[in-house]
Amino acid sequence: MAVNITTRKDNVKNTRSHALNATKKRQNLNLQVYRLEDGTKVRLSAKEIRTLNKNEKAA
């Protein structure tokens, strides 16, 4: 079972009709299960995984 460790939140916006009715719409995160070097599974967003991989290459 993967553990959620991300602190990011969903995006919330209004969708507007031609009559200017506002309806709330959520844009969910792209959460992926990622295995760390010690073998634990964590749930991170795709953006955070890209950042981790980028920092590993730089080090």
Protein backbone atom coordinates (compact mmCIF):
# COMPACT_ATOMS: atom_id res chain seq x y z
CA MET A 1 0.00 0.00 0.00
CA ALA A 2 1.43 3.37 -1.00
CA VAL A 3 1.53 6.29 1.41
CA ASN A 4 0.48 9.80 0.38
CA ILE A 5 3.32 12.19 1.20
CA THR A 6 2.52 15.02 -1.21
CA THR A 7 1.24 18.34 0.11
CA ARG A 8 -0.12 19.60 -3.19
CA LYS A 9 -3.84 20.28 -3.58
CA ASP A 10 -6.28 20.02 -6.49
CA ASN A 11 -6.93 23.02 -8.70
CA VAL A 12 -10.42 24.47 -8.33
CA LYS A 13 -11.85 26.79 -10.93
CA ASN A 14 -15.17 28.02 -12.25
CA THR A 15 -16.54 26.92 -15.59
CA ARG A 16 -18.60 29.67 -17.18
CA SER A 17 -21.55 29.15 -19.50
CA HIS A 18 -22.71 31.70 -22.06
CA ALA A 19 -25.24 32.90 -19.47
CA LEU A 20 -22.30 33.42 -17.06
CA ASN A 21 -23.44 30.66 -14.69
CA ALA A 22 -20.50 29.59 -12.56
CA THR A 23 -20.02 25.92 -11.72
CA LYS A 24 -17.10 24.69 -9.63
CA LYS A 25 -14.76 22.29 -11.42
CA ARG A 26 -11.87 20.34 -9.89
CA GLN A 27 -8.70 19.42 -11.72
CA ASN A 28 -7.13 16.48 -9.90
CA LEU A 29 -3.41 15.83 -9.54
CA ASN A 30 -1.63 13.19 -11.60
CA LEU A 31 -0.73 10.90 -8.67
CA GLN A 32 1.62 8.00 -9.34
CA VAL A 33 2.96 5.21 -7.14
CA TYR A 34 6.74 5.61 -6.89
CA ARG A 35 9.21 3.24 -5.24
CA LEU A 36 11.99 4.91 -3.24
CA GLU A 37 15.55 3.55 -2.99
CA ASP A 38 14.83 1.88 0.36
CA GLY A 39 11.91 -0.05 -1.18
CA THR A 40 8.99 1.90 0.28
CA LYS A 41 6.13 2.84 -2.00
CA VAL A 42 4.88 6.42 -1.90
CA ARG A 43 2.25 8.28 -3.87
CA LEU A 44 3.65 11.42 -5.53
CA SER A 45 2.50 13.70 -8.28
CA ALA A 46 4.14 13.32 -11.68
CA LYS A 47 5.68 16.79 -11.32
CA GLU A 48 7.36 15.79 -8.05
CA ILE A 49 8.70 12.58 -9.61
CA ARG A 50 10.22 14.57 -12.49
CA THR A 51 11.86 16.92 -9.96
CA LEU A 52 13.29 13.98 -7.99
CA ASN A 53 14.73 12.40 -11.14
CA LYS A 54 16.21 15.73 -12.23
CA ASN A 55 17.91 16.25 -8.86
CA GLU A 56 19.31 12.70 -8.89
CA LYS A 57 20.96 13.33 -12.27
CA ALA A 58 22.44 16.62 -11.06
CA ALA A 59 23.99 15.05 -7.95
